[in-house]
Every structure is written in C-alpha cells, then in structure tokens.
C-alpha cells in the first residue's frame, strides 16, 4: 500500500458505509459494546468506573459517522439490558440518552464539522455528560439531584474517561486502517 492510501485511511474523514455495511458494522459494534462490560464485570471492573459500554459507541461515531453512532448508542444499552439486566431499568432511559449522545456527537463532529478524532472525542464526552444531565432531568426521580449525579458520574468514572482519551483514538485509527486496507481506495 502506498503512502497516499495510508494518508487517506487516517484522514479526517469517516469511513463511508452503504446501508448494508452500516447495519453490519453497527450490529458488530453493538455486540462488542455489550460484551465488553460483561467481560469487565467478570474481573470485578465496575462499569461506572471504567465505562466499557461507552468505548465502542464512541468508536462507531468517530469511524463511521453520526448514523452509526446513533444506532450503536441507542441499541447498546437496550440490548445489554435485555441480555444481562444491566443497566438497571431505573436508569436505562437516562443511560440510553447519554450513550446515544456520545455516538451522535462524536460522529457529527467528524462527519459534518470535519474535526479531528481528539477534538471530536472531547466534545462528545462533554456533550454526552450534558445528555446524562438531560436524561436525569427527564427520566430521573424527584429525589435525585441532577447536577450532583452528573458530578458523581464524572468523579467515579475518571479512570474510564482517561481510558477513553487514551484508547479510543488509537482504536479508531486502527479500524480505519484495517478497513482501508481491506477495501482498497474506497475509504
């Protein structure tokens, strides 16, 4: 592969997908986003601390755009709940909104605003937390202090946020390279 196609693969653009490819990749990413928290729980790595469900939602948005981010972000918590009972039904709507916002914003920043992976990721992490706040306001109980809940989620999940900042861009670039190598110059 020549340097021109390598540059193209890791460029600031998303990987364009047809409808069938979008469905296939989104399904695979939902599966990974559901499986990773399950694996983490087997090793007593708490979900709210390491945020494993978020990883593949963010990657889907960053690599494939806002539509994939929307699909993976919407379906991941629901499929996880159906298969494992987690997240708990009481917080399922707010977590679904939060995670869906991560995917949509990451994808929108890459696809429409043409921002690089790092800026897109940071913006998605910030706006995703605002999505959590909106979810708590709309779906939470009256006894919940929304700002304190979001603050608690951030302080509890700082390790997961650092993992996201360190790993998501690397994995996203790797996936783009892998797909670019297997598609030739179509990425």
C-alpha atoms as a PDB file:
ATOM      1  CA  UNK A   1       0.000   0.000   0.000  1.00  0.00           C
ATOM      2  CA  UNK A   2       1.453   3.375  -0.917  1.00  0.00           C
ATOM      3  CA  UNK A   3       1.697   6.403   1.371  1.00  0.00           C
ATOM      4  CA  UNK A   4      -1.175   8.159  -0.430  1.00  0.00           C
ATOM      5  CA  UNK A   5      -3.657   5.479   0.564  1.00  0.00           C
ATOM      6  CA  UNK A   6      -2.275   5.402   4.130  1.00  0.00           C
ATOM      7  CA  UNK A   7      -2.854   9.140   4.393  1.00  0.00           C
ATOM      8  CA  UNK A   8      -6.338   8.684   3.014  1.00  0.00           C
ATOM      9  CA  UNK A   9      -7.149   5.965   5.555  1.00  0.00           C
ATOM     10  CA  UNK A  10      -6.157   8.034   8.590  1.00  0.00           C
ATOM     11  CA  UNK A  11      -7.509  11.265   7.188  1.00  0.00           C
ATOM     12  CA  UNK A  12     -10.046  13.397   8.964  1.00  0.00           C
ATOM     13  CA  UNK A  13     -12.932  11.742   7.149  1.00  0.00           C
ATOM     14  CA  UNK A  14     -15.165   8.939   8.302  1.00  0.00           C
ATOM     15  CA  UNK A  15     -15.400   5.587   6.566  1.00  0.00           C
ATOM     16  CA  UNK A  16     -18.359   5.781   4.189  1.00  0.00           C
ATOM     17  CA  UNK A  17     -20.770   2.877   4.519  1.00  0.00           C
ATOM     18  CA  UNK A  18     -23.630   1.645   2.405  1.00  0.00           C
ATOM     19  CA  UNK A  19     -26.875   0.725   4.156  1.00  0.00           C
ATOM     20  CA  UNK A  20     -25.995  -2.954   4.469  1.00  0.00           C
ATOM     21  CA  UNK A  21     -22.465  -2.168   5.686  1.00  0.00           C
ATOM     22  CA  UNK A  22     -23.889   0.310   8.215  1.00  0.00           C
ATOM     23  CA  UNK A  23     -26.177  -2.401   9.536  1.00  0.00           C
ATOM     24  CA  UNK A  24     -23.374  -4.990   9.710  1.00  0.00           C
ATOM     25  CA  UNK A  25     -20.811  -2.726  11.383  1.00  0.00           C
ATOM     26  CA  UNK A  26     -23.393  -1.233  13.748  1.00  0.00           C
ATOM     27  CA  UNK A  27     -24.525  -4.722  14.776  1.00  0.00           C
ATOM     28  CA  UNK A  28     -20.932  -5.789  15.376  1.00  0.00           C
ATOM     29  CA  UNK A  29     -20.234  -2.688  17.447  1.00  0.00           C
ATOM     30  CA  UNK A  30     -23.405  -3.186  19.499  1.00  0.00           C
ATOM     31  CA  UNK A  31     -22.250  -6.737  20.183  1.00  0.00           C
ATOM     32  CA  UNK A  32     -18.800  -5.532  21.237  1.00  0.00           C
ATOM     33  CA  UNK A  33     -20.265  -2.724  23.357  1.00  0.00           C
ATOM     34  CA  UNK A  34     -22.499  -5.248  25.149  1.00  0.00           C
ATOM     35  CA  UNK A  35     -19.788  -7.900  25.524  1.00  0.00           C
ATOM     36  CA  UNK A  36     -17.059  -5.632  26.898  1.00  0.00           C
ATOM     37  CA  UNK A  37     -18.984  -4.629  30.060  1.00  0.00           C
ATOM     38  CA  UNK A  38     -19.888  -8.265  30.628  1.00  0.00           C
ATOM     39  CA  UNK A  39     -16.196  -9.221  30.420  1.00  0.00           C
ATOM     40  CA  UNK A  40     -15.250  -6.297  32.668  1.00  0.00           C
ATOM     41  CA  UNK A  41     -17.745  -7.447  35.300  1.00  0.00           C
ATOM     42  CA  UNK A  42     -16.187 -10.938  35.257  1.00  0.00           C
ATOM     43  CA  UNK A  43     -12.989  -9.306  36.537  1.00  0.00           C
ATOM     44  CA  UNK A  44     -14.810  -7.026  39.012  1.00  0.00           C
ATOM     45  CA  UNK A  45     -14.091  -3.954  36.884  1.00  0.00           C
ATOM     46  CA  UNK A  46     -17.092  -1.803  37.693  1.00  0.00           C
ATOM     47  CA  UNK A  47     -18.959  -0.314  34.750  1.00  0.00           C
ATOM     48  CA  UNK A  48     -19.410   3.168  36.259  1.00  0.00           C
ATOM     49  CA  UNK A  49     -15.666   3.364  36.924  1.00  0.00           C
ATOM     50  CA  UNK A  50     -14.208   2.032  33.653  1.00  0.00           C
ATOM     51  CA  UNK A  51     -17.144   2.879  31.339  1.00  0.00           C
ATOM     52  CA  UNK A  52     -16.649  -0.077  28.984  1.00  0.00           C
ATOM     53  CA  UNK A  53     -20.025   0.358  27.263  1.00  0.00           C
ATOM     54  CA  UNK A  54     -19.008   3.793  26.000  1.00  0.00           C
ATOM     55  CA  UNK A  55     -15.891   2.687  24.091  1.00  0.00           C
ATOM     56  CA  UNK A  56     -17.448   1.098  21.022  1.00  0.00           C
ATOM     57  CA  UNK A  57     -20.222   3.683  20.834  1.00  0.00           C
ATOM     58  CA  UNK A  58     -17.626   6.454  20.639  1.00  0.00           C
ATOM     59  CA  UNK A  59     -15.544   4.482  18.145  1.00  0.00           C
ATOM     60  CA  UNK A  60     -18.594   3.817  15.945  1.00  0.00           C
ATOM     61  CA  UNK A  61     -19.346   7.526  15.756  1.00  0.00           C
ATOM     62  CA  UNK A  62     -15.736   8.534  15.169  1.00  0.00           C
ATOM     63  CA  UNK A  63     -15.083   5.962  12.457  1.00  0.00           C
ATOM     64  CA  UNK A  64     -18.441   5.590  10.706  1.00  0.00           C
ATOM     65  CA  UNK A  65     -20.260   8.867  11.439  1.00  0.00           C
ATOM     66  CA  UNK A  66     -23.283  10.066  13.331  1.00  0.00           C
ATOM     67  CA  UNK A  67     -25.710   7.467  11.936  1.00  0.00           C
ATOM     68  CA  UNK A  68     -23.612   4.581  13.238  1.00  0.00           C
ATOM     69  CA  UNK A  69     -23.103   6.469  16.498  1.00  0.00           C
ATOM     70  CA  UNK A  70     -26.870   6.870  16.803  1.00  0.00           C
ATOM     71  CA  UNK A  71     -27.646   3.217  16.074  1.00  0.00           C
ATOM     72  CA  UNK A  72     -24.913   1.800  18.312  1.00  0.00           C
ATOM     73  CA  UNK A  73     -25.596   4.336  21.073  1.00  0.00           C
ATOM     74  CA  UNK A  74     -29.335   3.675  21.065  1.00  0.00           C
ATOM     75  CA  UNK A  75     -29.212  -0.099  20.829  1.00  0.00           C
ATOM     76  CA  UNK A  76     -26.272  -0.894  23.116  1.00  0.00           C
ATOM     77  CA  UNK A  77     -27.915  -0.132  26.495  1.00  0.00           C
ATOM     78  CA  UNK A  78     -31.182  -1.728  25.385  1.00  0.00           C
ATOM     79  CA  UNK A  79     -29.545  -4.935  24.131  1.00  0.00           C
ATOM     80  CA  UNK A  80     -27.363  -5.004  27.251  1.00  0.00           C
ATOM     81  CA  UNK A  81     -30.434  -4.684  29.460  1.00  0.00           C
ATOM     82  CA  UNK A  82     -32.270  -7.434  27.563  1.00  0.00           C
ATOM     83  CA  UNK A  83     -29.315  -9.822  27.728  1.00  0.00           C
ATOM     84  CA  UNK A  84     -27.860  -9.040  31.159  1.00  0.00           C
ATOM     85  CA  UNK A  85     -30.301  -6.880  33.117  1.00  0.00           C
ATOM     86  CA  UNK A  86     -27.743  -4.053  33.128  1.00  0.00           C
ATOM     87  CA  UNK A  87     -28.045  -1.133  33.252  1.00  0.00           C
ATOM     88  CA  UNK A  88     -30.862  -1.272  35.765  1.00  0.00           C
ATOM     89  CA  UNK A  89     -34.300  -0.416  34.425  1.00  0.00           C
ATOM     90  CA  UNK A  90     -34.477   2.666  36.678  1.00  0.00           C
ATOM     91  CA  UNK A  91     -31.526   4.279  34.892  1.00  0.00           C
ATOM     92  CA  UNK A  92     -31.904   2.679  31.459  1.00  0.00           C
ATOM     93  CA  UNK A  93     -33.595   5.690  29.780  1.00  0.00           C
ATOM     94  CA  UNK A  94     -31.039   8.222  31.027  1.00  0.00           C
ATOM     95  CA  UNK A  95     -28.076   5.985  30.185  1.00  0.00           C
ATOM     96  CA  UNK A  96     -29.540   5.282  26.748  1.00  0.00           C
ATOM     97  CA  UNK A  97     -29.825   9.023  26.105  1.00  0.00           C
ATOM     98  CA  UNK A  98     -26.293   9.674  27.396  1.00  0.00           C
ATOM     99  CA  UNK A  99     -24.666   6.929  25.349  1.00  0.00           C
ATOM    100  CA  UNK A 100     -26.656   7.776  22.235  1.00  0.00           C
ATOM    101  CA  UNK A 101     -25.482  11.400  22.539  1.00  0.00           C
ATOM    102  CA  UNK A 102     -21.851  10.220  22.728  1.00  0.00           C
ATOM    103  CA  UNK A 103     -22.179   8.354  19.453  1.00  0.00           C
ATOM    104  CA  UNK A 104     -24.141  11.028  17.602  1.00  0.00           C
ATOM    105  CA  UNK A 105     -21.915  13.909  18.694  1.00  0.00           C
ATOM    106  CA  UNK A 106     -18.668  12.034  18.004  1.00  0.00           C
ATOM    107  CA  UNK A 107     -19.933  11.169  14.535  1.00  0.00           C
ATOM    108  CA  UNK A 108     -21.356  14.611  13.835  1.00  0.00           C
ATOM    109  CA  UNK A 109     -18.104  16.322  14.812  1.00  0.00           C
ATOM    110  CA  UNK A 110     -16.140  14.050  12.478  1.00  0.00           C
ATOM    111  CA  UNK A 111     -18.590  13.810   9.598  1.00  0.00           C
ATOM    112  CA  UNK A 112     -20.154  17.254   9.427  1.00  0.00           C
ATOM    113  CA  UNK A 113     -17.732  19.549  11.270  1.00  0.00           C
ATOM    114  CA  UNK A 114     -14.631  17.698   9.962  1.00  0.00           C
ATOM    115  CA  UNK A 115     -12.906  17.895  13.359  1.00  0.00           C
ATOM    116  CA  UNK A 116     -10.056  15.558  14.175  1.00  0.00           C
ATOM    117  CA  UNK A 117     -10.555  12.482  16.332  1.00  0.00           C
ATOM    118  CA  UNK A 118      -9.294  14.060  19.561  1.00  0.00           C
ATOM    119  CA  UNK A 119     -11.443  17.199  19.412  1.00  0.00           C
ATOM    120  CA  UNK A 120     -14.447  15.150  18.348  1.00  0.00           C
ATOM    121  CA  UNK A 121     -13.910  12.760  21.252  1.00  0.00           C
ATOM    122  CA  UNK A 122     -13.527  15.502  23.868  1.00  0.00           C
ATOM    123  CA  UNK A 123     -16.597  17.349  22.593  1.00  0.00           C
ATOM    124  CA  UNK A 124     -18.583  14.098  22.594  1.00  0.00           C
ATOM    125  CA  UNK A 125     -17.516  13.349  26.182  1.00  0.00           C
ATOM    126  CA  UNK A 126     -18.603  16.799  27.346  1.00  0.00           C
ATOM    127  CA  UNK A 127     -21.913  16.876  25.470  1.00  0.00           C
ATOM    128  CA  UNK A 128     -22.586  13.244  26.432  1.00  0.00           C
ATOM    129  CA  UNK A 129     -22.443  14.269  30.087  1.00  0.00           C
ATOM    130  CA  UNK A 130     -24.933  17.020  29.269  1.00  0.00           C
ATOM    131  CA  UNK A 131     -27.052  14.259  27.710  1.00  0.00           C
ATOM    132  CA  UNK A 132     -26.823  12.414  31.019  1.00  0.00           C
ATOM    133  CA  UNK A 133     -27.977  15.572  32.794  1.00  0.00           C
ATOM    134  CA  UNK A 134     -30.942  15.877  30.403  1.00  0.00           C
ATOM    135  CA  UNK A 135     -31.730  12.194  30.916  1.00  0.00           C
ATOM    136  CA  UNK A 136     -31.726  12.609  34.680  1.00  0.00           C
ATOM    137  CA  UNK A 137     -33.928  15.702  34.404  1.00  0.00           C
ATOM    138  CA  UNK A 138     -36.422  13.985  32.088  1.00  0.00           C
ATOM    139  CA  UNK A 139     -36.355  10.415  33.384  1.00  0.00           C
ATOM    140  CA  UNK A 140     -34.918  10.614  36.913  1.00  0.00           C
ATOM    141  CA  UNK A 141     -36.826  10.607  40.151  1.00  0.00           C
ATOM    142  CA  UNK A 142     -37.592  13.779  42.062  1.00  0.00           C
ATOM    143  CA  UNK A 143     -35.213  12.723  44.840  1.00  0.00           C
ATOM    144  CA  UNK A 144     -32.204  12.834  42.504  1.00  0.00           C
ATOM    145  CA  UNK A 145     -30.068  15.979  42.354  1.00  0.00           C
ATOM    146  CA  UNK A 146     -29.193  16.040  38.634  1.00  0.00           C
ATOM    147  CA  UNK A 147     -26.010  18.119  38.923  1.00  0.00           C
ATOM    148  CA  UNK A 148     -24.734  16.055  41.845  1.00  0.00           C
ATOM    149  CA  UNK A 149     -25.492  12.866  39.892  1.00  0.00           C
ATOM    150  CA  UNK A 150     -23.516  14.045  36.871  1.00  0.00           C
ATOM    151  CA  UNK A 151     -20.677  15.232  39.132  1.00  0.00           C
ATOM    152  CA  UNK A 152     -20.676  11.845  40.835  1.00  0.00           C
ATOM    153  CA  UNK A 153     -20.623  10.054  37.465  1.00  0.00           C
ATOM    154  CA  UNK A 154     -17.613  12.113  36.396  1.00  0.00           C
ATOM    155  CA  UNK A 155     -15.713  11.651  39.658  1.00  0.00           C
ATOM    156  CA  UNK A 156     -16.496   7.932  39.717  1.00  0.00           C
ATOM    157  CA  UNK A 157     -15.676   7.469  36.021  1.00  0.00           C
ATOM    158  CA  UNK A 158     -12.432   9.437  35.784  1.00  0.00           C
ATOM    159  CA  UNK A 159     -10.455   6.244  35.099  1.00  0.00           C
ATOM    160  CA  UNK A 160     -12.835   5.334  32.280  1.00  0.00           C
ATOM    161  CA  UNK A 161     -12.576   8.832  30.831  1.00  0.00           C
ATOM    162  CA  UNK A 162      -8.772   8.558  30.801  1.00  0.00           C
ATOM    163  CA  UNK A 163      -9.047   5.138  29.147  1.00  0.00           C
ATOM    164  CA  UNK A 164     -11.361   6.639  26.515  1.00  0.00           C
ATOM    165  CA  UNK A 165      -8.991   9.525  25.838  1.00  0.00           C
ATOM    166  CA  UNK A 166      -6.035   7.155  25.535  1.00  0.00           C
ATOM    167  CA  UNK A 167      -7.543   4.193  23.662  1.00  0.00           C
ATOM    168  CA  UNK A 168     -10.473   5.393  21.565  1.00  0.00           C
ATOM    169  CA  UNK A 169      -8.405   7.464  19.087  1.00  0.00           C
ATOM    170  CA  UNK A 170      -5.846   4.667  18.695  1.00  0.00           C
ATOM    171  CA  UNK A 171      -8.512   2.011  18.127  1.00  0.00           C
ATOM    172  CA  UNK A 172     -10.453   4.286  15.764  1.00  0.00           C
ATOM    173  CA  UNK A 173      -7.378   4.924  13.604  1.00  0.00           C
ATOM    174  CA  UNK A 174      -6.505   1.223  13.639  1.00  0.00           C
ATOM    175  CA  UNK A 175     -10.028   0.279  12.497  1.00  0.00           C
ATOM    176  CA  UNK A 176      -9.908   2.882   9.723  1.00  0.00           C
ATOM    177  CA  UNK A 177      -6.553   1.495   8.546  1.00  0.00           C
ATOM    178  CA  UNK A 178      -7.820  -2.078   8.690  1.00  0.00           C
ATOM    179  CA  UNK A 179     -10.962  -1.273   6.720  1.00  0.00           C
ATOM    180  CA  UNK A 180      -8.992   0.867   4.274  1.00  0.00           C
ATOM    181  CA  UNK A 181      -6.553  -1.968   3.616  1.00  0.00           C
ATOM    182  CA  UNK A 182      -9.414  -4.394   3.017  1.00  0.00           C
ATOM    183  CA  UNK A 183     -11.399  -2.017   0.824  1.00  0.00           C
ATOM    184  CA  UNK A 184      -8.534  -0.660  -1.219  1.00  0.00           C
ATOM    185  CA  UNK A 185      -9.004   3.013  -2.036  1.00  0.00           C
ATOM    186  CA  UNK A 186     -12.760   3.156  -1.293  1.00  0.00           C
ATOM    187  CA  UNK A 187     -12.453   4.669   2.222  1.00  0.00           C
END
